[in-house]
Amino acid sequence: MRRSTNCRSLSSPAAVLWDMDGTLIDTEPLWGKATYELGELLGRPLTPEVRAKTIGGSFPNTLNVVAEWAGYELRDGDLERYRTWMFDRMRELFATGIELNPGIGGVLQSLRERGTPMFVCTNTARVLADPCIDAIGRELFTGTIAGDEVAQAKPAPDMYLEAARRAGAQPGDCLVVEDSWHGMSAGAAAGCVVLGLAETVPDGVVRFDPSSFLGAGAADVDGWFSAAL
């Protein structure tokens, strides 16, 4: 079920809740590079299939996946140690430049000018999310929620439920835009309308071609939202 049972019938979303990595900005190749390096650090290079299991997940999920693949038994302190390594490496990679995905800038600006509340909802920890949000344009958003600021990161629905609460809206009246299986699952579990920027999407998610963002604006977002209800 895509919408909550007590949601209103709207022609436009009460709020748009954006994933960040891979949706607003193309940082997934950078995360992939660091994750492959983490596999080598733990003693076994990753395959693309193993790497795919980490996309859109929290760092504890990534570390568990990589450690299991490598046959490495995690010990006390490893989570903190490898998280510090990963975050330091990502800062280095982010310093090479962060760019918006095609068409995203115009959509964000149009929604902001109309006054539609927007939130960034990312599994990325706050310390790494902030430089990216600043590069996108923090002023565009009503608020931001990072992966280390909710009880459970995606694929749990916590982040999207909290964003809807902050927007003063029912989850079913909110539009979520996501590219990863974890994130799409989180939005669907929260009861939001979800556009999935992927070839394969979970139940309750509408597959969406990201090239549609090119030249689009707030009215187009309304159309996508209405069509997905």
Protein backbone atom coordinates (compact mmCIF):
# COMPACT_ATOMS: atom_id res chain seq x y z
CA MET A 1 0.00 0.00 0.00
CA ARG A 2 1.52 3.30 -1.05
CA ARG A 3 -0.48 5.74 1.01
CA SER A 4 -1.58 5.96 4.63
CA THR A 5 -5.26 5.32 5.24
CA ASN A 6 -5.85 8.81 6.67
CA CYS A 7 -4.09 10.78 3.95
CA ARG A 8 -5.73 13.59 2.01
CA SER A 9 -6.45 13.49 -1.71
CA LEU A 10 -3.90 15.92 -3.14
CA SER A 11 -2.97 17.01 -6.64
CA SER A 12 0.53 17.94 -5.44
CA PRO A 13 2.74 16.49 -2.72
CA ALA A 14 2.61 18.06 0.73
CA ALA A 15 6.39 17.61 0.85
CA VAL A 16 9.10 16.11 -1.34
CA LEU A 17 11.62 13.93 0.48
CA TRP A 18 14.85 13.44 -1.41
CA ASP A 19 17.48 10.78 -1.03
CA MET A 20 20.93 12.28 -1.58
CA ASP A 21 23.64 9.90 -2.83
CA GLY A 22 22.79 8.70 -6.31
CA THR A 23 19.55 10.71 -6.45
CA LEU A 24 20.52 14.37 -6.03
CA ILE A 25 24.24 13.91 -6.60
CA ASP A 26 26.30 11.19 -8.21
CA THR A 27 28.47 10.15 -5.27
CA GLU A 28 27.78 6.42 -5.54
CA PRO A 29 30.93 5.83 -7.66
CA LEU A 30 32.95 7.47 -4.87
CA TRP A 31 31.26 5.34 -2.20
CA GLY A 32 31.92 2.33 -4.43
CA LYS A 33 35.62 3.16 -4.69
CA ALA A 34 35.96 3.45 -0.92
CA THR A 35 33.92 0.29 -0.33
CA TYR A 36 36.10 -1.73 -2.70
CA GLU A 37 39.13 -0.40 -0.83
CA LEU A 38 37.53 -1.47 2.45
CA GLY A 39 37.22 -5.00 1.08
CA GLU A 40 40.92 -5.02 0.28
CA LEU A 41 41.65 -3.67 3.75
CA LEU A 42 39.73 -6.55 5.34
CA GLY A 43 41.54 -9.09 3.18
CA ARG A 44 39.28 -10.00 0.26
CA PRO A 45 38.44 -7.90 -2.81
CA LEU A 46 34.71 -7.41 -3.35
CA THR A 47 32.76 -8.60 -6.35
CA PRO A 48 30.22 -6.22 -7.95
CA GLU A 49 27.46 -8.41 -6.48
CA VAL A 50 28.76 -7.97 -2.92
CA ARG A 51 29.26 -4.23 -3.46
CA ALA A 52 25.62 -4.00 -4.63
CA LYS A 53 24.45 -5.23 -1.22
CA THR A 54 25.95 -2.13 0.40
CA ILE A 55 24.38 0.50 -1.87
CA GLY A 56 22.09 2.86 0.04
CA GLY A 57 22.83 1.18 3.37
CA SER A 58 24.31 2.55 6.56
CA PHE A 59 28.00 2.14 7.34
CA PRO A 60 27.38 -0.61 9.95
CA ASN A 61 25.51 -2.53 7.23
CA THR A 62 28.38 -1.97 4.78
CA LEU A 63 30.98 -3.13 7.29
CA ASN A 64 28.98 -6.25 8.16
CA VAL A 65 28.54 -7.17 4.48
CA VAL A 66 32.23 -6.66 3.68
CA ALA A 67 33.45 -8.43 6.82
CA GLU A 68 31.22 -11.45 6.18
CA TRP A 69 32.47 -11.66 2.59
CA ALA A 70 36.08 -11.41 3.72
CA GLY A 71 35.64 -13.95 6.52
CA TYR A 72 36.78 -11.27 8.95
CA GLU A 73 35.43 -11.53 12.51
CA LEU A 74 34.62 -8.06 13.78
CA ARG A 75 35.98 -7.21 17.22
CA ASP A 76 35.23 -4.49 19.78
CA GLY A 77 36.27 -1.15 18.41
CA ASP A 78 36.32 -2.25 14.76
CA LEU A 79 33.14 -0.36 13.88
CA GLU A 80 34.58 2.92 15.13
CA ARG A 81 38.01 2.27 13.62
CA TYR A 82 36.80 1.37 10.15
CA ARG A 83 34.14 4.09 10.18
CA THR A 84 36.86 6.65 10.86
CA TRP A 85 38.89 5.21 7.99
CA MET A 86 35.90 5.26 5.63
CA PHE A 87 34.85 8.81 6.53
CA ASP A 88 38.38 10.12 6.13
CA ARG A 89 38.61 8.44 2.73
CA MET A 90 35.26 9.85 1.63
CA ARG A 91 36.32 13.36 2.62
CA GLU A 92 39.30 12.95 0.32
CA LEU A 93 37.08 11.77 -2.52
CA PHE A 94 34.45 14.49 -1.97
CA ALA A 95 37.20 17.09 -2.21
CA THR A 96 37.55 16.18 -5.90
CA GLY A 97 34.14 17.78 -6.54
CA ILE A 98 30.40 17.19 -6.09
CA GLU A 99 27.92 17.87 -8.89
CA LEU A 100 24.14 17.70 -9.13
CA ASN A 101 22.63 15.00 -11.29
CA PRO A 102 21.22 16.25 -14.62
CA GLY A 103 18.01 18.25 -14.29
CA ILE A 104 17.91 18.15 -10.50
CA GLY A 105 18.87 21.80 -10.00
CA GLY A 106 15.91 23.13 -11.95
CA VAL A 107 13.43 20.85 -10.18
CA LEU A 108 14.73 21.86 -6.75
CA GLN A 109 14.62 25.57 -7.58
CA SER A 110 11.11 25.37 -8.99
CA LEU A 111 9.76 23.53 -5.94
CA ARG A 112 11.46 25.99 -3.61
CA GLU A 113 10.03 29.00 -5.46
CA ARG A 114 6.56 27.49 -5.12
CA GLY A 115 7.08 26.90 -1.41
CA THR A 116 6.90 23.10 -1.40
CA PRO A 117 8.66 21.77 1.72
CA MET A 118 11.63 19.60 0.84
CA PHE A 119 13.87 17.43 3.01
CA VAL A 120 17.11 15.60 2.35
CA CYS A 121 16.87 12.11 3.87
CA THR A 122 20.20 10.31 3.66
CA ASN A 123 21.77 7.28 5.29
CA THR A 124 25.07 9.16 5.12
CA ALA A 125 26.25 10.28 8.57
CA ARG A 126 25.94 13.99 9.36
CA VAL A 127 29.68 14.65 9.28
CA LEU A 128 29.83 13.53 5.62
CA ALA A 129 26.34 14.63 4.59
CA ASP A 130 26.89 18.31 5.43
CA PRO A 131 29.53 19.06 2.76
CA CYS A 132 27.28 17.46 0.15
CA ILE A 133 24.18 19.33 1.30
CA ASP A 134 26.13 22.58 1.21
CA ALA A 135 27.25 21.80 -2.35
CA ILE A 136 23.65 21.11 -3.41
CA GLY A 137 22.33 24.25 -1.69
CA ARG A 138 21.20 23.96 1.92
CA GLU A 139 18.88 26.93 1.47
CA LEU A 140 16.71 24.88 -0.89
CA PHE A 141 15.55 22.55 1.87
CA THR A 142 13.21 22.87 4.82
CA GLY A 143 15.38 20.41 6.71
CA THR A 144 17.79 17.50 6.48
CA ILE A 145 17.98 14.15 8.27
CA ALA A 146 21.16 12.07 8.36
CA GLY A 147 21.59 8.36 8.93
CA ASP A 148 23.03 8.75 12.42
CA GLU A 149 20.08 10.87 13.58
CA VAL A 150 17.35 8.22 13.59
CA ALA A 151 16.93 5.03 15.61
CA GLN A 152 17.14 2.88 12.48
CA ALA A 153 18.55 3.91 9.11
CA LYS A 154 17.06 2.84 5.77
CA PRO A 155 15.59 0.34 4.90
CA ALA A 156 13.66 1.07 8.11
CA PRO A 157 10.98 3.75 7.61
CA ASP A 158 12.12 5.94 10.53
CA MET A 159 13.78 8.66 8.46
CA TYR A 160 10.81 9.22 6.17
CA LEU A 161 8.30 9.09 9.00
CA GLU A 162 10.32 11.75 10.82
CA ALA A 163 10.57 13.94 7.71
CA ALA A 164 6.80 13.75 7.20
CA ARG A 165 6.29 14.66 10.86
CA ARG A 166 8.56 17.68 10.53
CA ALA A 167 6.71 18.73 7.38
CA GLY A 168 3.41 18.50 9.26
CA ALA A 169 2.10 16.03 6.69
CA GLN A 170 0.79 12.50 6.52
CA PRO A 171 3.39 10.13 5.01
CA GLY A 172 0.98 9.19 2.23
CA ASP A 173 0.84 12.83 1.15
CA CYS A 174 4.62 12.99 0.72
CA LEU A 175 6.63 12.13 -2.37
CA VAL A 176 9.89 10.22 -1.87
CA VAL A 177 12.55 10.10 -4.60
CA GLU A 178 15.08 7.27 -4.21
CA ASP A 179 17.55 5.27 -6.28
CA SER A 180 18.60 2.39 -3.97
CA TRP A 181 16.66 -0.70 -2.91
CA HIS A 182 17.22 0.18 0.77
CA GLY A 183 15.89 3.69 0.28
CA MET A 184 12.93 2.75 -1.90
CA SER A 185 11.96 0.10 0.64
CA ALA A 186 12.15 2.66 3.44
CA GLY A 187 9.88 5.11 1.65
CA ALA A 188 7.35 2.41 0.82
CA ALA A 189 7.40 1.09 4.39
CA ALA A 190 6.67 4.61 5.65
CA GLY A 191 3.58 4.73 3.43
CA CYS A 192 4.87 7.48 1.14
CA VAL A 193 4.44 7.73 -2.61
CA VAL A 194 7.82 6.59 -3.95
CA LEU A 195 9.50 7.20 -7.30
CA GLY A 196 12.27 4.65 -7.82
CA LEU A 197 15.16 5.65 -10.05
CA ALA A 198 16.14 2.07 -10.81
CA GLU A 199 15.48 -0.73 -13.27
CA THR A 200 13.99 -2.94 -10.56
CA VAL A 201 11.92 -1.53 -7.70
CA PRO A 202 10.24 -3.02 -4.60
CA ASP A 203 6.49 -3.51 -4.31
CA GLY A 204 4.70 -0.24 -3.72
CA VAL A 205 7.27 1.80 -5.66
CA VAL A 206 6.77 3.41 -9.09
CA ARG A 207 9.67 3.00 -11.48
CA PHE A 208 10.84 6.41 -12.75
CA ASP A 209 13.22 7.45 -15.52
CA PRO A 210 15.67 10.04 -14.07
CA SER A 211 16.04 11.63 -17.51
CA SER A 212 12.57 13.05 -16.86
CA PHE A 213 14.18 15.58 -14.52
CA LEU A 214 15.72 17.39 -17.49
CA GLY A 215 13.81 20.65 -18.03
CA ALA A 216 11.19 19.70 -15.42
CA GLY A 217 9.65 21.87 -12.71
CA ALA A 218 7.10 21.84 -9.91
CA ALA A 219 4.14 21.19 -12.23
CA ASP A 220 5.87 18.09 -13.55
CA VAL A 221 6.46 16.86 -10.01
CA ASP A 222 2.72 17.24 -9.39
CA GLY A 223 2.02 15.11 -12.44
CA TRP A 224 4.42 12.39 -11.33
CA PHE A 225 2.90 12.41 -7.85
CA SER A 226 -0.69 12.18 -9.13
CA ALA A 227 0.18 9.42 -11.60
CA ALA A 228 1.81 7.38 -8.82
CA LEU A 229 -1.18 7.49 -6.46
